[in-house]
PDB file of N, CA and C in Angstrom:
ATOM      1  N   MET A   1       1.092  -1.507  -0.127  1.00  0.00           N
ATOM      2  CA  MET A   1      -0.238   0.052  -0.012  1.00  0.00           C
ATOM      3  C   MET A   1       0.988   0.958   0.417  1.00  0.00           C
ATOM      4  N   LEU A   2       1.821   1.222   1.192  1.00  0.00           N
ATOM      5  CA  LEU A   2       2.588   2.478   0.646  1.00  0.00           C
ATOM      6  C   LEU A   2       3.550   2.688  -0.223  1.00  0.00           C
ATOM      7  N   GLN A   3       3.997   1.751  -0.722  1.00  0.00           N
ATOM      8  CA  GLN A   3       4.724   1.429  -2.287  1.00  0.00           C
ATOM      9  C   GLN A   3       3.858   2.367  -3.171  1.00  0.00           C
ATOM     10  N   GLU A   4       2.625   1.886  -3.416  1.00  0.00           N
ATOM     11  CA  GLU A   4       1.871   2.414  -4.155  1.00  0.00           C
ATOM     12  C   GLU A   4       1.615   3.561  -3.875  1.00  0.00           C
ATOM     13  N   GLN A   5       1.065   4.220  -2.711  1.00  0.00           N
ATOM     14  CA  GLN A   5       1.306   5.561  -2.405  1.00  0.00           C
ATOM     15  C   GLN A   5       2.476   6.556  -3.068  1.00  0.00           C
ATOM     16  N   LEU A   6       4.134   5.574  -2.740  1.00  0.00           N
ATOM     17  CA  LEU A   6       4.745   6.452  -3.241  1.00  0.00           C
ATOM     18  C   LEU A   6       4.964   6.264  -4.479  1.00  0.00           C
ATOM     19  N   ASN A   7       4.672   6.023  -5.565  1.00  0.00           N
ATOM     20  CA  ASN A   7       4.965   5.499  -6.778  1.00  0.00           C
ATOM     21  C   ASN A   7       3.696   6.640  -7.595  1.00  0.00           C
ATOM     22  N   ASN A   8       2.459   6.802  -6.773  1.00  0.00           N
ATOM     23  CA  ASN A   8       1.377   7.859  -7.170  1.00  0.00           C
ATOM     24  C   ASN A   8       1.559   9.396  -6.743  1.00  0.00           C
ATOM     25  N   LEU A   9       2.394   9.440  -5.418  1.00  0.00           N
ATOM     26  CA  LEU A   9       3.050  10.766  -5.153  1.00  0.00           C
ATOM     27  C   LEU A   9       4.669  11.426  -6.064  1.00  0.00           C
ATOM     28  N   LEU A  10       5.332  10.184  -6.265  1.00  0.00           N
ATOM     29  CA  LEU A  10       6.490   9.782  -7.282  1.00  0.00           C
ATOM     30  C   LEU A  10       5.902  10.859  -9.026  1.00  0.00           C
ATOM     31  N   ALA A  11       4.779   9.777  -9.322  1.00  0.00           N
ATOM     32  CA  ALA A  11       4.072  10.155 -10.352  1.00  0.00           C
ATOM     33  C   ALA A  11       3.789  12.124 -10.512  1.00  0.00           C
ATOM     34  N   GLN A  12       3.043  12.546  -9.219  1.00  0.00           N
ATOM     35  CA  GLN A  12       2.512  13.539  -9.426  1.00  0.00           C
ATOM     36  C   GLN A  12       3.630  14.887  -9.233  1.00  0.00           C
ATOM     37  N   SER A  13       5.027  14.312  -8.487  1.00  0.00           N
ATOM     38  CA  SER A  13       6.005  15.025  -8.290  1.00  0.00           C
ATOM     39  C   SER A  13       6.328  15.049  -9.864  1.00  0.00           C
ATOM     40  N   GLN A  14       6.047  14.810 -10.876  1.00  0.00           N
ATOM     41  CA  GLN A  14       6.623  15.152 -12.503  1.00  0.00           C
ATOM     42  C   GLN A  14       6.103  15.824 -12.777  1.00  0.00           C
ATOM     43  N   HIS A  15       4.773  16.247 -12.196  1.00  0.00           N
ATOM     44  CA  HIS A  15       4.020  17.425 -13.347  1.00  0.00           C
ATOM     45  C   HIS A  15       4.411  19.175 -12.152  1.00  0.00           C
ATOM     46  N   CYS A  16       4.679  18.351 -10.673  1.00  0.00           N
ATOM     47  CA  CYS A  16       4.735  19.601  -9.946  1.00  0.00           C
ATOM     48  C   CYS A  16       6.171  19.578  -9.666  1.00  0.00           C
ATOM     49  N   LYS A  17       7.321  19.733 -10.034  1.00  0.00           N
ATOM     50  CA  LYS A  17       8.469  19.624  -9.636  1.00  0.00           C
ATOM     51  C   LYS A  17       9.095  20.401  -8.299  1.00  0.00           C
ATOM     52  N   ASN A  18       8.067  21.620  -8.089  1.00  0.00           N
ATOM     53  CA  ASN A  18       8.935  22.862  -7.495  1.00  0.00           C
ATOM     54  C   ASN A  18       7.567  22.549  -5.726  1.00  0.00           C
ATOM     55  N   ASN A  19       6.981  21.896  -5.369  1.00  0.00           N
ATOM     56  CA  ASN A  19       5.880  21.525  -4.611  1.00  0.00           C
ATOM     57  C   ASN A  19       6.419  21.145  -3.372  1.00  0.00           C
ATOM     58  N   PRO A  20       6.933  21.784  -1.943  1.00  0.00           N
ATOM     59  CA  PRO A  20       7.796  21.290  -0.900  1.00  0.00           C
ATOM     60  C   PRO A  20       6.742  20.434  -0.278  1.00  0.00           C
ATOM     61  N   THR A  21       5.287  20.817  -0.547  1.00  0.00           N
ATOM     62  CA  THR A  21       4.397  19.690   0.782  1.00  0.00           C
ATOM     63  C   THR A  21       4.859  18.429  -0.075  1.00  0.00           C
ATOM     64  N   LEU A  22       4.836  18.545  -1.939  1.00  0.00           N
ATOM     65  CA  LEU A  22       4.540  17.400  -2.143  1.00  0.00           C
ATOM     66  C   LEU A  22       6.117  16.713  -1.619  1.00  0.00           C
ATOM     67  N   ARG A  23       7.389  17.086  -1.345  1.00  0.00           N
ATOM     68  CA  ARG A  23       8.766  16.334  -1.274  1.00  0.00           C
ATOM     69  C   ARG A  23       8.697  15.822   0.327  1.00  0.00           C
ATOM     70  N   ILE A  24       7.538  16.269   0.902  1.00  0.00           N
ATOM     71  CA  ILE A  24       7.727  16.232   2.325  1.00  0.00           C
ATOM     72  C   ILE A  24       6.839  15.186   2.418  1.00  0.00           C
ATOM     73  N   LYS A  25       5.774  14.697   1.667  1.00  0.00           N
ATOM     74  CA  LYS A  25       5.336  13.708   1.632  1.00  0.00           C
ATOM     75  C   LYS A  25       6.078  12.556   0.976  1.00  0.00           C
ATOM     76  N   ILE A  26       6.535  12.889  -0.198  1.00  0.00           N
ATOM     77  CA  ILE A  26       7.317  12.039  -0.584  1.00  0.00           C
ATOM     78  C   ILE A  26       8.455  11.080   0.505  1.00  0.00           C
ATOM     79  N   GLN A  27       8.894  11.992   1.068  1.00  0.00           N
ATOM     80  CA  GLN A  27      10.240  11.463   2.296  1.00  0.00           C
ATOM     81  C   GLN A  27       9.472  10.711   3.300  1.00  0.00           C
ATOM     82  N   THR A  28       8.091  11.482   3.677  1.00  0.00           N
ATOM     83  CA  THR A  28       7.680  10.971   4.989  1.00  0.00           C
ATOM     84  C   THR A  28       7.285   9.194   4.317  1.00  0.00           C
ATOM     85  N   VAL A  29       6.565   8.964   3.284  1.00  0.00           N
ATOM     86  CA  VAL A  29       6.330   7.669   2.933  1.00  0.00           C
ATOM     87  C   VAL A  29       7.337   7.067   2.688  1.00  0.00           C
ATOM     88  N   GLN A  30       8.698   6.910   2.161  1.00  0.00           N
ATOM     89  CA  GLN A  30       9.648   6.547   2.010  1.00  0.00           C
ATOM     90  C   GLN A  30      10.782   6.053   3.325  1.00  0.00           C
ATOM     91  N   LEU A  31      10.428   7.002   4.046  1.00  0.00           N
ATOM     92  CA  LEU A  31      11.061   6.853   5.386  1.00  0.00           C
ATOM     93  C   LEU A  31      10.208   5.929   6.340  1.00  0.00           C
ATOM     94  N   GLN A  32       8.655   5.505   5.979  1.00  0.00           N
ATOM     95  CA  GLN A  32       7.909   4.507   6.609  1.00  0.00           C
ATOM     96  C   GLN A  32       8.361   3.137   5.863  1.00  0.00           C
ATOM     97  N   LEU A  33       8.862   3.167   4.500  1.00  0.00           N
ATOM     98  CA  LEU A  33       9.359   2.131   3.635  1.00  0.00           C
ATOM     99  C   LEU A  33      10.465   1.726   4.094  1.00  0.00           C
ATOM    100  N   LYS A  34      11.219   2.478   4.403  1.00  0.00           N
ATOM    101  CA  LYS A  34      12.520   2.335   5.172  1.00  0.00           C
ATOM    102  C   LYS A  34      12.755   1.497   6.302  1.00  0.00           C
ATOM    103  N   ARG A  35      11.600   2.099   7.133  1.00  0.00           N
ATOM    104  CA  ARG A  35      11.497   1.596   8.577  1.00  0.00           C
ATOM    105  C   ARG A  35      10.590  -0.480   8.248  1.00  0.00           C
ATOM    106  N   ILE A  36       9.982  -0.245   7.410  1.00  0.00           N
ATOM    107  CA  ILE A  36       9.111  -1.701   7.613  1.00  0.00           C
ATOM    108  C   ILE A  36      10.062  -2.254   6.865  1.00  0.00           C
ATOM    109  N   THR A  37      10.886  -1.707   6.005  1.00  0.00           N
ATOM    110  CA  THR A  37      12.308  -2.718   5.569  1.00  0.00           C
ATOM    111  C   THR A  37      13.503  -3.473   6.391  1.00  0.00           C
ATOM    112  N   GLU A  38      14.170  -2.100   7.099  1.00  0.00           N
ATOM    113  CA  GLU A  38      14.583  -2.710   7.929  1.00  0.00           C
ATOM    114  C   GLU A  38      13.937  -3.374   8.811  1.00  0.00           C
ATOM    115  N   GLN A  39      12.670  -3.528   9.474  1.00  0.00           N
ATOM    116  CA  GLN A  39      12.572  -4.140  10.730  1.00  0.00           C
ATOM    117  C   GLN A  39      12.454  -5.606   9.725  1.00  0.00           C
ATOM    118  N   LYS A  40      11.909  -6.015   8.589  1.00  0.00           N
ATOM    119  CA  LYS A  40      11.691  -7.550   7.925  1.00  0.00           C
ATOM    120  C   LYS A  40      13.505  -8.162   7.505  1.00  0.00           C
ATOM    121  N   VAL A  41      14.075  -7.230   7.572  1.00  0.00           N
ATOM    122  CA  VAL A  41      15.331  -7.783   7.795  1.00  0.00           C
ATOM    123  C   VAL A  41      15.869  -7.928   8.972  1.00  0.00           C
ATOM    124  N   LYS A  42      15.913  -7.699  10.278  1.00  0.00           N
ATOM    125  CA  LYS A  42      15.796  -8.180  11.259  1.00  0.00           C
ATOM    126  C   LYS A  42      15.462  -8.908  11.752  1.00  0.00           C
ATOM    127  N   GLY A  43      13.953  -9.232  11.534  1.00  0.00           N
ATOM    128  CA  GLY A  43      13.428 -10.282  11.442  1.00  0.00           C
ATOM    129  C   GLY A  43      13.930 -11.956  10.974  1.00  0.00           C
ATOM    130  N   ALA A  44      13.966 -11.450   9.498  1.00  0.00           N
ATOM    131  CA  ALA A  44      14.809 -12.474   9.022  1.00  0.00           C
ATOM    132  C   ALA A  44      16.119 -12.812   9.624  1.00  0.00           C
ATOM    133  N   MET A  45      17.082 -11.798   9.958  1.00  0.00           N
ATOM    134  CA  MET A  45      18.177 -12.056  10.545  1.00  0.00           C
ATOM    135  C   MET A  45      18.153 -13.122  12.001  1.00  0.00           C
ATOM    136  N   MET A  46      17.269 -12.832  12.312  1.00  0.00           N
ATOM    137  CA  MET A  46      16.537 -13.091  14.044  1.00  0.00           C
ATOM    138  C   MET A  46      16.392 -14.672  13.657  1.00  0.00           C
ATOM    139  N   ARG A  47      15.737 -15.309  12.441  1.00  0.00           N
ATOM    140  CA  ARG A  47      14.947 -16.138  12.572  1.00  0.00           C
ATOM    141  C   ARG A  47      15.994 -17.295  11.650  1.00  0.00           C
ATOM    142  N   SER A  48      16.838 -16.505  10.696  1.00  0.00           N
ATOM    143  CA  SER A  48      18.146 -16.892  10.354  1.00  0.00           C
ATOM    144  C   SER A  48      19.385 -17.874  11.575  1.00  0.00           C
ATOM    145  N   LYS A  49      18.968 -17.200  12.522  1.00  0.00           N
ATOM    146  CA  LYS A  49      20.133 -16.984  13.617  1.00  0.00           C
ATOM    147  C   LYS A  49      19.780 -18.196  14.670  1.00  0.00           C
ATOM    148  N   ALA A  50      18.259 -17.929  14.446  1.00  0.00           N
ATOM    149  CA  ALA A  50      17.796 -19.175  15.040  1.00  0.00           C
ATOM    150  C   ALA A  50      17.657 -20.897  14.621  1.00  0.00           C
ATOM    151  N   ARG A  51      17.803 -20.622  13.001  1.00  0.00           N
ATOM    152  CA  ARG A  51      17.574 -21.645  12.852  1.00  0.00           C
ATOM    153  C   ARG A  51      19.104 -22.451  12.596  1.00  0.00           C
ATOM    154  N   TRP A  52      20.178 -21.259  12.629  1.00  0.00           N
ATOM    155  CA  TRP A  52      21.966 -21.883  12.355  1.00  0.00           C
ATOM    156  C   TRP A  52      22.166 -22.334  13.818  1.00  0.00           C
ATOM    157  N   THR A  53      20.988 -21.739  15.128  1.00  0.00           N
ATOM    158  CA  THR A  53      21.431 -22.422  16.514  1.00  0.00           C
ATOM    159  C   THR A  53      20.692 -23.621  16.317  1.00  0.00           C
ATOM    160  N   GLU A  54      19.951 -23.501  15.969  1.00  0.00           N
ATOM    161  CA  GLU A  54      18.961 -24.643  15.887  1.00  0.00           C
ATOM    162  C   GLU A  54      19.716 -26.159  14.864  1.00  0.00           C
ATOM    163  N   TYR A  55      19.899 -25.769  13.779  1.00  0.00           N
ATOM    164  CA  TYR A  55      20.453 -26.828  13.211  1.00  0.00           C
ATOM    165  C   TYR A  55      22.254 -27.034  12.973  1.00  0.00           C
ATOM    166  N   GLY A  56      22.755 -25.468  13.391  1.00  0.00           N
ATOM    167  CA  GLY A  56      24.389 -25.719  13.188  1.00  0.00           C
ATOM    168  C   GLY A  56      25.175 -26.129  14.349  1.00  0.00           C
ATOM    169  N   GLU A  57      24.279 -26.029  15.472  1.00  0.00           N
ATOM    170  CA  GLU A  57      24.809 -26.480  16.973  1.00  0.00           C
ATOM    171  C   GLU A  57      25.305 -27.979  16.497  1.00  0.00           C
ATOM    172  N   ASN A  58      24.175 -29.087  16.047  1.00  0.00           N
ATOM    173  CA  ASN A  58      24.088 -29.817  15.652  1.00  0.00           C
ATOM    174  C   ASN A  58      24.991 -30.728  14.968  1.00  0.00           C
ATOM    175  N   THR A  59      25.380 -29.801  13.684  1.00  0.00           N
ATOM    176  CA  THR A  59      26.923 -30.110  12.931  1.00  0.00           C
ATOM    177  C   THR A  59      27.579 -29.844  13.142  1.00  0.00           C
ATOM    178  N   ARG A  60      27.531 -28.894  13.965  1.00  0.00           N
ATOM    179  CA  ARG A  60      29.245 -28.186  14.806  1.00  0.00           C
ATOM    180  C   ARG A  60      29.742 -29.764  15.533  1.00  0.00           C
ATOM    181  N   TYR A  61      28.777 -29.865  16.235  1.00  0.00           N
ATOM    182  CA  TYR A  61      28.791 -30.902  17.403  1.00  0.00           C
ATOM    183  C   TYR A  61      29.355 -32.686  16.342  1.00  0.00           C
ATOM    184  N   PHE A  62      28.760 -32.562  15.147  1.00  0.00           N
ATOM    185  CA  PHE A  62      29.245 -33.768  14.337  1.00  0.00           C
ATOM    186  C   PHE A  62      30.516 -33.662  13.785  1.00  0.00           C
ATOM    187  N   LEU A  63      30.644 -32.428  13.505  1.00  0.00           N
ATOM    188  CA  LEU A  63      31.891 -32.068  12.864  1.00  0.00           C
ATOM    189  C   LEU A  63      33.051 -32.242  13.723  1.00  0.00           C
ATOM    190  N   ASN A  64      32.780 -31.688  14.763  1.00  0.00           N
ATOM    191  CA  ASN A  64      33.918 -31.762  15.949  1.00  0.00           C
ATOM    192  C   ASN A  64      33.842 -33.452  16.527  1.00  0.00           C
ATOM    193  N   TRP A  65      33.259 -34.209  16.502  1.00  0.00           N
ATOM    194  CA  TRP A  65      33.558 -35.689  17.139  1.00  0.00           C
ATOM    195  C   TRP A  65      33.566 -36.576  15.896  1.00  0.00           C
ATOM    196  N   LYS A  66      33.811 -35.866  14.786  1.00  0.00           N
ATOM    197  CA  LYS A  66      34.207 -36.641  13.310  1.00  0.00           C
ATOM    198  C   LYS A  66      35.712 -36.352  13.522  1.00  0.00           C
ATOM    199  N   ASN A  67      36.169 -35.185  13.610  1.00  0.00           N
ATOM    200  CA  ASN A  67      37.353 -34.936  13.607  1.00  0.00           C
ATOM    201  C   ASN A  67      38.143 -35.157  14.923  1.00  0.00           C
ATOM    202  N   GLU A  68      37.774 -36.196  15.648  1.00  0.00           N
ATOM    203  CA  GLU A  68      38.251 -36.210  17.057  1.00  0.00           C
ATOM    204  C   GLU A  68      38.873 -38.039  16.671  1.00  0.00           C
ATOM    205  N   LYS A  69      37.618 -38.278  16.022  1.00  0.00           N
ATOM    206  CA  LYS A  69      37.290 -39.659  15.713  1.00  0.00           C
ATOM    207  C   LYS A  69      39.008 -39.843  14.877  1.00  0.00           C
ATOM    208  N   GLN A  70      39.213 -39.113  13.788  1.00  0.00           N
ATOM    209  CA  GLN A  70      40.170 -39.369  12.864  1.00  0.00           C
ATOM    210  C   GLN A  70      41.564 -38.697  13.509  1.00  0.00           C
ATOM    211  N   LYS A  71      41.058 -38.075  14.649  1.00  0.00           N
ATOM    212  CA  LYS A  71      42.656 -38.023  15.027  1.00  0.00           C
ATOM    213  C   LYS A  71      43.464 -38.863  15.831  1.00  0.00           C
ATOM    214  N   ARG A  72      42.189 -39.660  16.525  1.00  0.00           N
ATOM    215  CA  ARG A  72      42.289 -41.085  17.741  1.00  0.00           C
ATOM    216  C   ARG A  72      42.802 -41.882  16.721  1.00  0.00           C
ATOM    217  N   LYS A  73      42.151 -42.389  15.308  1.00  0.00           N
ATOM    218  CA  LYS A  73      42.701 -43.335  13.868  1.00  0.00           C
ATOM    219  C   LYS A  73      44.263 -43.026  13.459  1.00  0.00           C
ATOM    220  N   GLY A  74      44.645 -41.430  13.872  1.00  0.00           N
ATOM    221  CA  GLY A  74      45.631 -41.175  13.396  1.00  0.00           C
ATOM    222  C   GLY A  74      46.907 -41.645  14.730  1.00  0.00           C
ATOM    223  N   LEU A  75      46.774 -41.039  15.639  1.00  0.00           N
ATOM    224  CA  LEU A  75      47.466 -41.553  17.207  1.00  0.00           C
ATOM    225  C   LEU A  75      47.790 -42.758  17.283  1.00  0.00           C
TER     226      LEU A  75
END
């Protein structure tokens, strides 16, 4: 919805290039979109970290176990 609003404002700005009120509206919508994008990115990072912790820890455990087993065979 915000992206559509921004597109409409940008289209209007093509016709009225020196309208300060329109510029402020555009900046406000752009800021709102930026905040939403940042929140989504932070959420994705948190989910990624949770998945890594859930699955990555097990992978690390088995990798270390395999390396220790190989070291014992070599000695």
